[in-house]
N, C-alpha and C. Protein backbone atom coordinates (compact mmCIF):
# COMPACT_ATOMS: atom_id res chain seq x y z
N MET A 1 0.70 -1.10 -0.03
CA MET A 1 -0.09 0.08 -0.19
C MET A 1 1.02 1.26 0.19
N ASN A 2 0.16 2.35 -0.68
CA ASN A 2 1.03 3.20 -0.76
C ASN A 2 0.43 4.37 0.28
N HIS A 3 0.94 4.75 1.46
CA HIS A 3 0.30 5.22 2.40
C HIS A 3 0.77 6.63 2.30
N ASP A 4 1.93 7.33 1.90
CA ASP A 4 1.97 8.73 1.04
C ASP A 4 0.37 8.98 0.50
N LEU A 5 0.39 8.08 -0.67
CA LEU A 5 -0.75 8.94 -1.86
C LEU A 5 -2.02 8.46 -0.75
N ALA A 6 -2.32 7.65 -0.09
CA ALA A 6 -2.99 7.51 0.52
C ALA A 6 -3.62 8.89 1.37
N ALA A 7 -2.85 9.43 2.24
CA ALA A 7 -2.57 11.02 2.81
C ALA A 7 -2.60 11.91 2.38
N GLU A 8 -2.13 12.21 0.64
CA GLU A 8 -2.86 12.64 -0.10
C GLU A 8 -4.10 13.19 -0.60
N PHE A 9 -4.68 11.48 -0.52
CA PHE A 9 -5.95 11.47 -0.57
C PHE A 9 -6.79 11.88 -0.26
N HIS A 10 -6.56 11.59 1.33
CA HIS A 10 -7.24 11.81 2.48
C HIS A 10 -7.38 13.73 2.75
N ARG A 11 -6.12 14.36 2.19
CA ARG A 11 -5.77 15.71 2.75
C ARG A 11 -6.85 16.34 1.70
N ARG A 12 -6.47 15.75 0.54
CA ARG A 12 -7.76 16.34 -0.79
C ARG A 12 -9.13 16.17 -0.36
N ALA A 13 -9.59 15.12 -0.36
CA ALA A 13 -10.70 14.40 0.55
C ALA A 13 -11.15 15.52 1.55
N GLU A 14 -10.61 15.57 2.30
CA GLU A 14 -11.47 16.82 3.33
C GLU A 14 -11.44 18.04 3.16
N GLN A 15 -10.48 18.38 2.36
CA GLN A 15 -10.59 19.87 1.50
C GLN A 15 -12.04 20.15 0.84
N ASP A 16 -11.91 19.08 0.07
CA ASP A 16 -13.53 18.80 -0.68
C ASP A 16 -14.36 19.34 -0.16
N GLN A 17 -14.29 18.89 1.08
CA GLN A 17 -15.98 18.37 1.66
C GLN A 17 -16.01 19.96 2.64
N VAL A 18 -14.78 20.15 3.08
CA VAL A 18 -14.65 21.65 3.80
C VAL A 18 -15.61 22.50 2.31
N ALA A 19 -15.20 22.77 1.74
CA ALA A 19 -14.74 23.88 0.59
C ALA A 19 -16.68 23.02 0.32
N ARG A 20 -16.95 22.28 -0.09
CA ARG A 20 -18.38 22.01 -0.06
C ARG A 20 -19.58 22.76 0.59
N ARG A 21 -19.04 22.60 1.95
CA ARG A 21 -19.98 22.90 3.23
C ARG A 21 -20.12 24.14 3.07
N HIS A 22 -18.98 25.18 3.05
CA HIS A 22 -18.67 26.50 2.44
C HIS A 22 -20.00 27.27 1.61
N ALA A 23 -19.43 26.55 0.33
CA ALA A 23 -20.42 26.98 -0.33
C ALA A 23 -21.92 26.54 -0.41
N LEU A 24 -22.07 25.74 0.16
CA LEU A 24 -23.37 25.51 0.24
C LEU A 24 -23.96 27.07 1.53
N GLU A 25 -23.28 27.19 2.49
CA GLU A 25 -23.50 27.82 3.50
C GLU A 25 -23.73 29.34 3.17
N THR A 26 -22.72 29.54 2.23
CA THR A 26 -22.52 30.80 1.68
C THR A 26 -23.11 31.47 0.53
N GLY A 27 -22.91 30.21 -0.08
CA GLY A 27 -23.57 30.36 -1.69
C GLY A 27 -22.25 30.70 -2.50
N ASP A 28 -21.20 30.24 -2.26
CA ASP A 28 -19.80 31.40 -2.84
C ASP A 28 -19.36 29.92 -3.26
N GLY A 29 -19.39 29.85 -4.35
CA GLY A 29 -18.39 28.58 -4.75
C GLY A 29 -17.19 28.82 -5.55
N ARG A 30 -16.64 29.88 -5.47
CA ARG A 30 -15.36 30.12 -5.35
C ARG A 30 -14.52 29.17 -5.68
N ASP A 31 -14.25 28.99 -3.81
CA ASP A 31 -12.97 28.04 -3.87
C ASP A 31 -13.49 26.78 -4.39
N LEU A 32 -14.74 26.18 -4.23
CA LEU A 32 -15.12 24.33 -4.65
C LEU A 32 -14.27 24.84 -6.22
N VAL A 33 -14.57 25.40 -7.03
CA VAL A 33 -14.56 25.43 -8.15
C VAL A 33 -13.00 25.38 -8.88
N ARG A 34 -11.99 25.97 -7.48
CA ARG A 34 -10.62 26.06 -7.42
C ARG A 34 -10.09 24.61 -7.23
N ILE A 35 -10.25 24.15 -6.11
CA ILE A 35 -10.48 22.70 -5.38
C ILE A 35 -10.19 21.46 -6.52
N ASP A 36 -12.08 21.51 -6.73
CA ASP A 36 -12.25 20.92 -8.21
C ASP A 36 -10.91 20.73 -9.36
N ALA A 37 -10.83 21.68 -9.49
CA ALA A 37 -10.15 21.63 -10.60
C ALA A 37 -8.47 21.24 -10.53
N ASP A 38 -7.69 21.93 -9.32
CA ASP A 38 -6.95 21.45 -8.92
C ASP A 38 -7.36 19.88 -8.72
N ASN A 39 -7.88 18.84 -7.79
CA ASN A 39 -7.81 17.46 -7.76
C ASN A 39 -7.99 16.92 -8.86
N THR A 40 -8.89 17.59 -10.26
CA THR A 40 -9.08 16.56 -10.91
C THR A 40 -7.95 16.53 -11.67
N ALA A 41 -7.08 17.94 -12.03
CA ALA A 41 -5.68 17.76 -12.44
C ALA A 41 -4.42 16.84 -12.15
N TRP A 42 -4.56 16.81 -10.69
CA TRP A 42 -3.98 15.97 -9.69
C TRP A 42 -4.61 14.37 -9.95
N LEU A 43 -5.70 14.27 -9.98
CA LEU A 43 -5.93 12.65 -9.90
C LEU A 43 -5.29 11.83 -11.24
N LYS A 44 -5.65 12.96 -12.39
CA LYS A 44 -5.17 12.62 -13.93
C LYS A 44 -3.97 12.42 -13.75
N GLN A 45 -2.84 13.34 -13.02
CA GLN A 45 -1.79 12.60 -13.27
C GLN A 45 -1.41 11.54 -12.55
N VAL A 46 -2.19 11.14 -10.97
CA VAL A 46 -1.95 9.91 -10.18
C VAL A 46 -2.81 8.51 -11.13
N ILE A 47 -3.48 8.44 -11.84
CA ILE A 47 -3.77 7.95 -12.94
C ILE A 47 -2.68 7.50 -14.00
N GLU A 48 -2.27 8.49 -14.49
CA GLU A 48 -1.18 8.49 -15.53
C GLU A 48 0.08 7.10 -14.79
N LYS A 49 0.32 7.48 -13.50
CA LYS A 49 1.22 7.01 -13.03
C LYS A 49 0.96 5.94 -12.52
N HIS A 50 -0.41 5.64 -12.02
CA HIS A 50 -0.37 4.27 -11.33
C HIS A 50 -1.95 3.64 -11.82
N GLY A 51 -2.96 3.83 -12.67
CA GLY A 51 -3.81 3.24 -12.65
C GLY A 51 -4.93 3.75 -12.23
N TRP A 52 -5.68 3.45 -11.82
CA TRP A 52 -7.13 3.67 -11.18
C TRP A 52 -6.19 3.22 -9.63
N PRO A 53 -6.55 4.18 -8.51
CA PRO A 53 -5.96 3.93 -6.91
C PRO A 53 -6.81 3.53 -6.53
N GLY A 54 -7.08 1.99 -6.55
CA GLY A 54 -7.94 1.11 -5.91
C GLY A 54 -7.52 0.92 -4.57
N ILE A 55 -8.19 -0.06 -4.12
CA ILE A 55 -8.45 -0.58 -2.65
C ILE A 55 -6.76 -1.21 -2.05
N ALA A 56 -5.97 -2.29 -3.45
CA ALA A 56 -4.62 -2.53 -3.19
C ALA A 56 -3.99 -1.23 -3.20
N LEU A 57 -4.25 -0.10 -4.06
CA LEU A 57 -2.51 0.51 -3.70
C LEU A 57 -2.71 1.79 -2.63
N VAL A 58 -4.30 1.92 -2.11
CA VAL A 58 -4.02 3.28 -1.19
C VAL A 58 -5.05 2.72 0.06
N GLY A 59 -5.48 1.60 0.38
CA GLY A 59 -6.54 0.97 1.16
C GLY A 59 -7.71 1.54 1.02
N GLU A 60 -8.99 1.01 1.37
CA GLU A 60 -10.53 1.27 1.18
C GLU A 60 -10.74 2.71 1.63
N GLN A 61 -10.34 3.40 2.59
CA GLN A 61 -10.48 4.93 2.47
C GLN A 61 -10.04 5.72 1.29
N GLY A 62 -8.60 5.69 1.03
CA GLY A 62 -7.69 5.86 -0.18
C GLY A 62 -8.54 5.93 -1.27
N ALA A 63 -9.07 4.31 -1.20
CA ALA A 63 -10.26 4.23 -2.30
C ALA A 63 -11.32 5.19 -2.63
N ASP A 64 -11.60 5.37 -1.74
CA ASP A 64 -13.45 5.70 -1.45
C ASP A 64 -13.08 7.48 -1.53
N GLU A 65 -11.36 7.77 -1.23
CA GLU A 65 -11.62 9.07 -1.43
C GLU A 65 -10.82 9.25 -2.74
N ALA A 66 -10.73 8.78 -3.56
CA ALA A 66 -10.44 8.86 -4.98
C ALA A 66 -11.33 8.44 -5.28
N TRP A 67 -12.14 8.07 -5.44
CA TRP A 67 -13.38 7.98 -6.19
C TRP A 67 -14.40 9.58 -5.96
N LEU A 68 -14.01 10.28 -4.73
CA LEU A 68 -15.03 11.32 -4.16
C LEU A 68 -14.71 12.49 -5.26
N LEU A 69 -13.25 12.34 -5.14
CA LEU A 69 -12.32 13.59 -6.17
C LEU A 69 -12.99 12.90 -7.73
N ALA A 70 -12.96 11.96 -8.21
CA ALA A 70 -13.59 11.60 -9.65
C ALA A 70 -15.23 12.44 -9.52
N GLN A 71 -15.87 11.57 -8.74
CA GLN A 71 -17.30 11.89 -8.68
C GLN A 71 -17.80 13.54 -8.69
N HIS A 72 -16.57 14.24 -8.01
CA HIS A 72 -16.38 15.46 -8.20
C HIS A 72 -15.93 16.86 -9.42
N ALA A 73 -15.51 15.82 -10.23
CA ALA A 73 -14.61 16.00 -11.75
C ALA A 73 -15.91 16.57 -12.65
N ASP A 74 -17.04 16.46 -12.31
CA ASP A 74 -17.97 17.17 -13.35
C ASP A 74 -17.32 18.47 -14.45
N ARG A 75 -16.56 18.92 -14.05
CA ARG A 75 -15.84 19.96 -15.43
C ARG A 75 -15.16 19.73 -16.07
N ALA A 76 -15.25 18.13 -16.22
CA ALA A 76 -14.18 16.83 -16.82
C ALA A 76 -15.19 15.73 -17.38
N PRO A 77 -16.05 16.31 -18.41
CA PRO A 77 -16.56 15.00 -18.31
C PRO A 77 -16.13 13.63 -19.10
N GLY A 78 -15.12 14.15 -19.93
CA GLY A 78 -14.45 12.77 -20.59
C GLY A 78 -13.99 12.42 -19.53
N PHE A 79 -13.31 13.60 -18.43
CA PHE A 79 -12.13 12.45 -17.44
C PHE A 79 -12.66 11.41 -17.05
N GLN A 80 -14.46 11.61 -16.31
CA GLN A 80 -15.40 11.05 -15.72
C GLN A 80 -15.70 9.60 -16.04
N ARG A 81 -15.66 10.07 -17.87
CA ARG A 81 -15.68 8.75 -18.54
C ARG A 81 -14.80 8.08 -18.60
N GLN A 82 -13.53 8.33 -18.57
CA GLN A 82 -12.29 7.13 -18.50
C GLN A 82 -12.41 6.92 -17.15
N VAL A 83 -12.71 7.41 -16.15
CA VAL A 83 -12.52 6.81 -14.76
C VAL A 83 -13.58 5.78 -14.63
N LEU A 84 -14.72 5.49 -15.23
CA LEU A 84 -16.03 5.30 -14.96
C LEU A 84 -15.45 3.90 -15.77
N ALA A 85 -14.37 4.15 -16.85
CA ALA A 85 -13.80 3.04 -17.76
C ALA A 85 -13.00 2.17 -17.01
N LEU A 86 -11.99 2.50 -15.97
CA LEU A 86 -11.46 1.90 -15.02
C LEU A 86 -11.87 1.47 -14.20
N LEU A 87 -12.96 2.20 -13.77
CA LEU A 87 -13.84 1.34 -12.52
C LEU A 87 -13.92 0.16 -12.63
N ARG A 88 -14.48 0.05 -14.04
CA ARG A 88 -15.32 -0.70 -14.17
C ARG A 88 -13.70 -2.52 -14.37
N ASP A 89 -13.34 -1.48 -15.14
CA ASP A 89 -11.92 -2.65 -14.77
C ASP A 89 -11.46 -3.14 -13.56
N ALA A 90 -11.51 -2.25 -12.41
CA ALA A 90 -11.51 -2.16 -10.75
C ALA A 90 -11.92 -3.52 -10.24
N LEU A 91 -13.67 -3.23 -10.78
CA LEU A 91 -14.70 -3.67 -9.86
C LEU A 91 -14.35 -5.06 -10.45
N GLU A 92 -13.95 -5.79 -11.49
CA GLU A 92 -13.71 -7.05 -12.28
C GLU A 92 -12.80 -7.09 -11.38
N ALA A 93 -11.28 -6.93 -10.83
CA ALA A 93 -10.29 -7.13 -10.47
C ALA A 93 -10.84 -7.02 -8.67
N GLU A 94 -12.16 -6.30 -8.22
CA GLU A 94 -12.61 -6.47 -6.50
C GLU A 94 -11.61 -5.62 -6.84
N ASP A 95 -11.18 -4.54 -6.72
CA ASP A 95 -9.98 -3.41 -6.43
C ASP A 95 -11.04 -1.86 -6.03
N VAL A 96 -12.09 -2.51 -6.15
CA VAL A 96 -12.92 -0.80 -6.47
C VAL A 96 -14.26 -1.56 -5.37
N LEU A 97 -15.04 -0.80 -4.77
CA LEU A 97 -16.38 -0.68 -4.37
C LEU A 97 -17.49 -1.16 -5.07
N PRO A 98 -18.08 -1.48 -5.41
CA PRO A 98 -19.16 -1.47 -6.69
C PRO A 98 -20.26 -0.54 -6.26
N ARG A 99 -20.14 -0.01 -5.04
CA ARG A 99 -20.80 1.32 -4.84
C ARG A 99 -20.56 2.46 -5.61
N HIS A 100 -19.32 2.56 -5.69
CA HIS A 100 -18.70 3.43 -6.42
C HIS A 100 -18.58 3.51 -7.75
N PHE A 101 -18.94 2.13 -8.17
CA PHE A 101 -19.17 2.29 -10.07
C PHE A 101 -20.33 3.04 -10.44
N ALA A 102 -21.22 2.36 -9.50
CA ALA A 102 -22.79 2.43 -9.48
C ALA A 102 -23.01 4.53 -8.92
N TYR A 103 -22.38 4.77 -8.45
CA TYR A 103 -22.49 6.39 -8.49
C TYR A 103 -22.13 6.87 -9.53
N LEU A 104 -20.72 6.59 -10.03
CA LEU A 104 -20.11 7.42 -11.47
C LEU A 104 -20.67 7.33 -12.39
N THR A 105 -21.37 5.61 -12.45
CA THR A 105 -22.14 5.58 -13.92
C THR A 105 -23.58 6.22 -13.62
N ASP A 106 -24.05 6.99 -12.80
CA ASP A 106 -25.43 7.47 -12.81
C ASP A 106 -24.60 9.09 -13.15
N ARG A 107 -23.62 9.20 -12.40
CA ARG A 107 -23.22 10.42 -12.39
C ARG A 107 -22.77 11.15 -14.29
N VAL A 108 -22.21 10.15 -14.90
CA VAL A 108 -22.27 10.10 -15.95
C VAL A 108 -23.18 10.23 -17.29
N LEU A 109 -24.34 9.63 -16.69
CA LEU A 109 -25.34 9.21 -17.38
C LEU A 109 -26.13 10.44 -17.42
N VAL A 110 -26.20 10.75 -16.02
CA VAL A 110 -27.37 12.18 -16.16
C VAL A 110 -26.57 13.63 -16.48
N ALA A 111 -25.03 13.86 -16.73
CA ALA A 111 -24.84 14.33 -16.98
C ALA A 111 -24.75 14.44 -18.92
N ALA A 112 -24.88 13.80 -19.19
CA ALA A 112 -24.67 13.24 -20.67
C ALA A 112 -26.15 13.09 -21.04
N GLY A 113 -27.24 13.49 -20.00
CA GLY A 113 -28.82 13.79 -20.75
C GLY A 113 -29.15 12.48 -20.39
N GLU A 114 -28.80 11.04 -19.96
CA GLU A 114 -29.62 10.01 -20.16
C GLU A 114 -30.26 9.71 -18.58
N LEU A 115 -31.26 8.56 -18.83
CA LEU A 115 -31.47 7.42 -17.68
C LEU A 115 -30.58 6.95 -16.63
N GLN A 116 -30.40 7.61 -15.32
CA GLN A 116 -29.09 6.70 -14.41
C GLN A 116 -29.77 5.38 -14.32
N VAL A 117 -29.29 4.94 -14.02
CA VAL A 117 -29.19 3.25 -13.56
C VAL A 117 -29.79 2.97 -12.41
N TYR A 118 -28.85 3.27 -11.39
CA TYR A 118 -28.88 3.22 -10.09
C TYR A 118 -29.72 4.12 -8.64
N GLY A 119 -30.05 5.16 -9.63
CA GLY A 119 -30.99 6.31 -8.59
C GLY A 119 -30.37 6.67 -7.86
N THR A 120 -29.06 7.27 -7.99
CA THR A 120 -28.36 7.62 -6.84
C THR A 120 -28.12 8.98 -7.18
N GLN A 121 -28.13 9.32 -8.14
CA GLN A 121 -28.43 11.04 -8.56
C GLN A 121 -29.52 11.72 -8.27
N TYR A 122 -29.21 12.82 -7.44
CA TYR A 122 -30.58 14.11 -7.43
C TYR A 122 -30.45 15.31 -7.49
N THR A 123 -31.55 16.02 -7.71
CA THR A 123 -31.47 17.39 -8.32
C THR A 123 -32.79 18.09 -7.35
N ASN A 124 -32.43 19.44 -7.37
CA ASN A 124 -33.47 20.06 -6.73
C ASN A 124 -35.09 19.93 -7.66
N ASP A 125 -36.00 20.17 -7.05
CA ASP A 125 -37.24 20.32 -7.99
C ASP A 125 -37.45 21.58 -8.28
N PRO A 126 -38.24 21.68 -9.35
CA PRO A 126 -38.16 23.46 -9.93
C PRO A 126 -38.31 24.16 -9.35
N GLY A 127 -39.14 23.80 -8.14
CA GLY A 127 -39.01 25.67 -7.13
C GLY A 127 -37.71 25.55 -5.66
N GLY A 128 -36.78 24.46 -6.28
CA GLY A 128 -35.75 24.34 -5.47
C GLY A 128 -36.13 24.17 -3.75
N GLU A 129 -36.76 23.13 -3.43
CA GLU A 129 -37.21 23.50 -2.29
C GLU A 129 -37.02 21.93 -1.51
N ASN A 130 -37.07 21.05 -2.63
CA ASN A 130 -37.18 19.65 -2.30
C ASN A 130 -36.21 18.88 -3.48
N LEU A 131 -35.74 17.81 -2.89
CA LEU A 131 -35.01 17.20 -3.48
C LEU A 131 -35.96 16.28 -4.50
N ARG A 132 -35.31 15.61 -5.76
CA ARG A 132 -35.73 14.31 -6.54
C ARG A 132 -34.92 13.98 -7.11
N PRO A 133 -34.91 12.68 -7.40
CA PRO A 133 -33.89 11.29 -7.96
C PRO A 133 -34.73 12.09 -9.51
N TYR A 134 -32.98 12.16 -10.67
CA TYR A 134 -32.91 11.95 -11.96
C TYR A 134 -33.84 10.83 -12.30
N PRO A 135 -34.52 10.67 -13.24
CA PRO A 135 -35.32 9.72 -13.77
C PRO A 135 -34.29 8.71 -14.42
N VAL A 136 -34.91 7.23 -13.99
CA VAL A 136 -34.12 6.45 -14.10
C VAL A 136 -34.35 5.14 -15.08
N THR A 137 -33.75 4.30 -15.48
CA THR A 137 -34.11 3.37 -16.95
C THR A 137 -35.11 2.16 -16.01
N ASP A 138 -35.61 1.26 -16.66
CA ASP A 138 -36.57 0.22 -15.92
C ASP A 138 -36.36 0.42 -14.68
N PRO A 139 -37.56 1.26 -13.71
CA PRO A 139 -37.73 1.34 -12.58
C PRO A 139 -38.69 0.55 -11.87
N ASP A 140 -38.80 -0.85 -12.72
CA ASP A 140 -39.14 -1.54 -11.84
C ASP A 140 -38.18 -2.55 -11.32
N GLN A 141 -36.95 -2.71 -11.81
CA GLN A 141 -36.02 -3.40 -12.12
C GLN A 141 -34.71 -2.51 -10.94
N LEU A 142 -35.46 -1.30 -10.48
CA LEU A 142 -33.97 -0.59 -9.93
C LEU A 142 -33.66 -0.95 -8.53
N ASP A 143 -34.35 -1.71 -7.58
CA ASP A 143 -33.97 -2.01 -6.31
C ASP A 143 -33.11 -3.66 -7.13
N VAL A 144 -33.08 -4.46 -7.89
CA VAL A 144 -32.27 -5.34 -7.87
C VAL A 144 -31.03 -4.61 -8.49
N ARG A 145 -30.62 -4.15 -9.11
CA ARG A 145 -29.78 -3.33 -9.33
C ARG A 145 -29.07 -2.58 -8.73
N ARG A 146 -29.62 -1.87 -7.70
CA ARG A 146 -29.25 -1.37 -6.70
C ARG A 146 -28.60 -2.30 -5.78
N ALA A 147 -29.65 -3.39 -5.26
CA ALA A 147 -28.68 -4.53 -4.56
C ALA A 147 -27.82 -5.18 -5.12
N SER A 148 -27.40 -5.15 -6.35
CA SER A 148 -26.01 -5.64 -7.03
C SER A 148 -25.09 -5.15 -6.77
N VAL A 149 -25.21 -4.00 -6.25
CA VAL A 149 -23.60 -3.17 -6.26
C VAL A 149 -23.60 -2.48 -4.14
N GLY A 150 -24.50 -3.20 -3.60
CA GLY A 150 -24.63 -3.11 -2.25
C GLY A 150 -25.53 -1.69 -1.82
N LEU A 151 -25.79 -0.92 -2.52
CA LEU A 151 -26.70 -0.23 -2.47
C LEU A 151 -28.34 -0.59 -1.31
N GLU A 152 -28.74 0.35 -0.50
CA GLU A 152 -30.13 -0.14 -0.63
C GLU A 152 -30.98 0.42 -0.85
N PRO A 153 -32.31 -0.23 -0.57
CA PRO A 153 -33.36 -0.03 -2.18
C PRO A 153 -33.46 1.33 -2.00
N ALA A 154 -34.30 1.59 -2.96
CA ALA A 154 -34.31 3.36 -3.04
C ALA A 154 -35.24 4.12 -2.62
N ALA A 155 -36.53 3.07 -2.03
CA ALA A 155 -37.41 4.13 -1.38
C ALA A 155 -36.47 4.49 -0.09
N GLU A 156 -35.43 3.48 0.53
CA GLU A 156 -34.88 3.78 1.70
C GLU A 156 -33.52 5.29 1.63
N TYR A 157 -33.10 4.96 0.39
CA TYR A 157 -32.23 6.44 0.22
C TYR A 157 -33.19 6.98 0.28
N ASP A 158 -33.81 7.37 -1.24
CA ASP A 158 -34.61 8.55 -0.88
C ASP A 158 -35.57 9.23 0.04
N ARG A 159 -35.54 8.52 1.19
CA ARG A 159 -36.02 9.27 2.73
C ARG A 159 -35.37 9.40 3.10
N ARG A 160 -33.80 9.18 3.04
CA ARG A 160 -32.20 9.58 3.87
C ARG A 160 -32.21 10.93 2.69
N MET A 161 -31.92 11.01 1.69
CA MET A 161 -31.87 12.10 0.66
C MET A 161 -32.37 13.29 0.97
N ARG A 162 -33.90 12.52 1.12
CA ARG A 162 -34.74 14.45 1.94
C ARG A 162 -34.67 14.59 2.87
N SER A 163 -34.44 13.71 3.95
CA SER A 163 -34.26 14.50 5.15
C SER A 163 -33.01 15.09 5.30
N ARG A 164 -32.01 14.97 4.53
CA ARG A 164 -30.47 15.07 5.06
C ARG A 164 -30.68 16.84 5.69
N ASP A 165 -29.71 17.10 6.01
CA ASP A 165 -29.09 18.34 6.47
C ASP A 165 -28.63 19.11 4.98
N PRO A 166 -29.82 20.27 4.88
CA PRO A 166 -29.37 20.81 3.46
C PRO A 166 -27.69 21.27 3.43
N HIS A 167 -27.05 21.30 4.77
CA HIS A 167 -25.85 21.95 4.69
C HIS A 167 -24.44 21.08 4.30
N GLU A 168 -25.14 19.49 4.91
CA GLU A 168 -24.62 18.23 4.64
C GLU A 168 -23.86 18.10 2.82
N SER A 169 -22.85 17.95 2.75
CA SER A 169 -22.20 17.69 1.67
C SER A 169 -21.94 16.06 0.98
N ALA A 170 -21.64 16.01 -0.58
CA ALA A 170 -21.55 15.16 -0.43
C ALA A 170 -20.58 14.91 -1.65
C-alpha cells in the first residue's frame, strides 16, 4: 500500500468537503471550483502514473476518497468517462467498492442527459425546495440493480436524501 498517496487523498478529500460545506452555507463556490479543478488535474496525474488508485494501492479509505474526487470532477466529463472505464476494470478485479461504480455510472449518465441506472443522483425540484431523483431506466428493476452493487432499496435512499441537512455535503 502507498501510504503517502493515501494520505494525500485524505487531505484532498477533507479539503473537498470543507469547500462544499462552505459553498452551501455561503453560496460562494469560487473555492470549490478551484479545488475541484486542482483535484481533477492531480487525479489525472495519479492515474497516469499508477492506474486507478484502488484498494490495493491506497486502502479502502483512500479508494473511497479517490472516487470522491472523480465524482466531483463534473467540469471534466470526458475524464469522468475515462475513470468510469477504469472503475469497471477495477470492479472486475475486486479493487473498488461496487457502489463507487454505481454512483459514477449515474453521474456520467445524468451529465450526458441520459437515464440513470442506480438512482443515486438527485436534483432540486423546479421550486428549489425539495430533492428529487433524476429519472431512471427500468424503474421496476431499480432495487435489483441497487442490491447488486450493495446499495439500499431506492425508497430508503430517497427518505435519507430528502431528510438530509441541506448543509451536508456529498
